[in-house]
N, C-alpha and C. Protein backbone atom coordinates (compact mmCIF):
# COMPACT_ATOMS: atom_id res chain seq x y z
N MET A 1 0.85 -1.19 0.00
CA MET A 1 0.00 0.01 -0.04
C MET A 1 0.83 1.18 0.05
N ASN A 2 0.41 2.31 -0.85
CA ASN A 2 1.07 3.37 -0.74
C ASN A 2 0.22 4.63 -0.27
N LEU A 3 0.97 5.74 -0.41
CA LEU A 3 0.33 7.12 0.09
C LEU A 3 -0.95 7.38 -0.53
N GLU A 4 -1.14 7.16 -1.98
CA GLU A 4 -2.24 7.51 -2.68
C GLU A 4 -3.30 6.47 -2.29
N GLU A 5 -3.05 5.12 -2.01
CA GLU A 5 -4.13 4.18 -1.72
C GLU A 5 -4.73 4.48 -0.22
N ILE A 6 -3.87 4.77 0.78
CA ILE A 6 -4.40 5.13 1.99
C ILE A 6 -5.19 6.32 2.06
N GLN A 7 -4.93 7.31 1.24
CA GLN A 7 -5.59 8.52 0.92
C GLN A 7 -7.09 8.32 0.47
N GLN A 8 -7.02 7.29 -0.53
CA GLN A 8 -8.24 6.89 -1.11
C GLN A 8 -9.17 6.25 -0.18
N LEU A 9 -8.56 5.25 0.62
CA LEU A 9 -9.25 4.54 1.58
C LEU A 9 -9.87 5.59 2.52
N PHE A 10 -9.16 6.54 3.02
CA PHE A 10 -9.57 7.53 3.93
C PHE A 10 -10.99 8.06 3.17
N HIS A 11 -10.81 8.68 2.06
CA HIS A 11 -11.84 9.22 1.26
C HIS A 11 -13.06 8.36 1.14
N GLU A 12 -12.85 7.21 0.95
CA GLU A 12 -13.95 6.27 0.72
C GLU A 12 -14.75 6.09 2.05
N LYS A 13 -13.89 6.08 3.22
CA LYS A 13 -14.56 5.91 4.46
C LYS A 13 -15.24 7.23 5.09
N TYR A 14 -14.66 8.23 5.01
CA TYR A 14 -15.05 9.46 5.41
C TYR A 14 -15.82 10.52 4.51
N HIS A 15 -15.51 10.31 3.21
CA HIS A 15 -16.18 11.12 2.26
C HIS A 15 -15.63 12.55 2.15
N PHE A 16 -14.38 12.66 2.52
CA PHE A 16 -13.66 13.96 2.44
C PHE A 16 -12.16 13.63 2.59
N LYS A 17 -11.23 14.46 1.82
CA LYS A 17 -9.92 14.12 1.92
C LYS A 17 -9.21 14.63 3.37
N PRO A 18 -8.39 14.03 3.82
CA PRO A 18 -7.52 14.39 4.92
C PRO A 18 -6.96 15.69 4.81
N ALA A 19 -7.20 16.62 5.75
CA ALA A 19 -6.84 17.85 5.79
C ALA A 19 -5.37 18.09 6.45
N THR A 20 -5.14 17.36 7.37
CA THR A 20 -3.98 17.34 8.22
C THR A 20 -3.12 15.99 8.29
N LEU A 21 -2.00 16.20 8.62
CA LEU A 21 -1.05 15.06 8.95
C LEU A 21 -1.64 14.23 9.99
N ASN A 22 -2.21 14.64 11.13
CA ASN A 22 -2.83 13.97 12.27
C ASN A 22 -3.94 13.04 11.75
N GLU A 23 -4.93 13.74 10.87
CA GLU A 23 -5.96 12.95 10.39
C GLU A 23 -5.59 11.60 9.71
N LEU A 24 -4.68 11.73 8.83
CA LEU A 24 -4.07 10.58 8.06
C LEU A 24 -3.31 9.69 8.84
N LEU A 25 -2.47 10.22 9.79
CA LEU A 25 -1.65 9.32 10.68
C LEU A 25 -2.74 8.49 11.50
N THR A 26 -3.69 8.98 12.05
CA THR A 26 -4.63 8.42 12.92
C THR A 26 -5.37 7.30 12.25
N PHE A 27 -5.87 7.60 10.93
CA PHE A 27 -6.37 6.68 10.16
C PHE A 27 -5.51 5.58 9.82
N THR A 28 -4.29 5.78 9.49
CA THR A 28 -3.30 4.76 9.10
C THR A 28 -3.03 3.78 10.43
N ARG A 29 -2.84 4.47 11.61
CA ARG A 29 -2.64 3.76 12.79
C ARG A 29 -4.00 2.72 13.05
N LYS A 30 -5.17 3.33 12.80
CA LYS A 30 -6.32 2.61 12.97
C LYS A 30 -6.15 1.35 12.11
N CYS A 31 -5.94 1.50 10.83
CA CYS A 31 -5.86 0.41 9.82
C CYS A 31 -4.85 -0.74 10.23
N TYR A 32 -3.67 -0.15 10.90
CA TYR A 32 -2.65 -1.23 11.35
C TYR A 32 -3.32 -1.99 12.45
N ILE A 33 -3.93 -1.18 13.50
CA ILE A 33 -4.55 -2.01 14.62
C ILE A 33 -5.59 -2.95 14.25
N LEU A 34 -6.39 -2.65 13.18
CA LEU A 34 -7.51 -3.46 12.69
C LEU A 34 -6.88 -4.63 11.91
N ASN A 35 -5.50 -4.57 11.70
CA ASN A 35 -4.91 -5.56 10.90
C ASN A 35 -5.38 -5.53 9.20
N ASP A 36 -5.74 -4.20 8.97
CA ASP A 36 -5.90 -3.80 7.44
C ASP A 36 -4.55 -3.79 6.67
N ILE A 37 -3.48 -3.45 7.41
CA ILE A 37 -2.19 -3.23 6.80
C ILE A 37 -1.11 -3.90 7.77
N SER A 38 -0.07 -4.27 7.21
CA SER A 38 0.94 -5.03 7.90
C SER A 38 1.90 -3.93 8.64
N ILE A 39 2.80 -4.47 9.63
CA ILE A 39 3.68 -3.47 10.15
C ILE A 39 4.60 -2.82 9.25
N ASN A 40 5.14 -3.52 8.27
CA ASN A 40 6.00 -2.99 7.36
C ASN A 40 5.12 -1.91 6.44
N GLU A 41 4.00 -2.21 6.09
CA GLU A 41 3.21 -1.12 5.41
C GLU A 41 2.99 0.09 6.28
N TYR A 42 2.58 -0.16 7.53
CA TYR A 42 2.39 1.06 8.48
C TYR A 42 3.75 1.89 8.67
N ARG A 43 4.74 1.15 8.79
CA ARG A 43 6.11 2.03 8.88
C ARG A 43 6.35 2.88 7.62
N GLN A 44 6.16 2.23 6.40
CA GLN A 44 6.40 2.89 5.22
C GLN A 44 5.41 4.06 4.93
N LEU A 45 4.22 3.86 5.39
CA LEU A 45 3.18 4.92 5.14
C LEU A 45 3.55 6.12 6.06
N VAL A 46 3.76 5.72 7.31
CA VAL A 46 4.10 6.75 8.19
C VAL A 46 5.44 7.74 7.68
N LYS A 47 6.20 7.12 7.00
CA LYS A 47 7.30 7.94 6.38
C LYS A 47 6.88 8.67 5.20
N GLU A 48 6.11 8.02 4.43
CA GLU A 48 5.67 8.88 3.27
C GLU A 48 4.68 10.04 3.64
N ILE A 49 3.73 9.63 4.68
CA ILE A 49 2.79 10.83 5.21
C ILE A 49 3.69 11.85 5.80
N GLU A 50 4.70 11.68 6.53
CA GLU A 50 5.40 12.75 7.19
C GLU A 50 6.19 13.59 6.29
N THR A 51 6.57 12.90 5.03
CA THR A 51 7.25 13.60 4.09
C THR A 51 6.36 14.37 3.27
N ALA A 52 5.10 13.80 2.91
CA ALA A 52 4.16 14.47 2.04
C ALA A 52 3.37 15.66 2.86
N TYR A 53 3.29 15.53 4.05
CA TYR A 53 2.41 16.57 4.92
C TYR A 53 3.43 17.36 5.63
N PRO A 54 3.82 18.51 5.16
CA PRO A 54 4.89 19.20 6.01
C PRO A 54 4.20 19.75 7.35
N VAL A 55 4.88 19.57 8.51
CA VAL A 55 4.69 19.99 9.73
C VAL A 55 4.62 21.47 9.96
N THR A 56 3.53 22.08 10.26
CA THR A 56 3.61 23.63 10.50
C THR A 56 4.03 23.84 11.77
N GLU A 57 4.62 25.00 12.03
CA GLU A 57 5.17 25.34 13.32
C GLU A 57 4.00 25.72 14.12
N SER A 58 4.25 25.41 15.33
CA SER A 58 3.16 25.55 16.43
C SER A 58 3.32 27.09 16.84
N PRO A 59 2.21 27.71 17.12
CA PRO A 59 2.25 29.09 17.54
C PRO A 59 2.82 29.31 18.88
N THR A 60 3.74 30.13 19.12
CA THR A 60 4.59 30.35 20.34
C THR A 60 3.68 31.41 21.24
N VAL A 61 3.77 31.14 22.57
CA VAL A 61 3.09 31.98 23.37
C VAL A 61 3.97 33.17 23.84
N SER A 62 3.65 34.40 23.75
CA SER A 62 4.50 35.52 23.97
C SER A 62 4.00 36.09 25.36
N ASN A 63 4.84 36.56 26.07
CA ASN A 63 4.45 37.16 27.39
C ASN A 63 4.81 38.65 27.41
């Protein structure tokens, strides 16, 4: 399974595209827990997702 396939599965299940890194990572984790994907597929997908979805900087608190 690759990034496009997991995004398609997400879209089929929820009827919208994942907007954030966390949405897709959570869905991928759920697929792994439910034995829909293997550990090797899970690890590869996490790498692909983290590369494809840039992490935005968290806002800092100013005093």
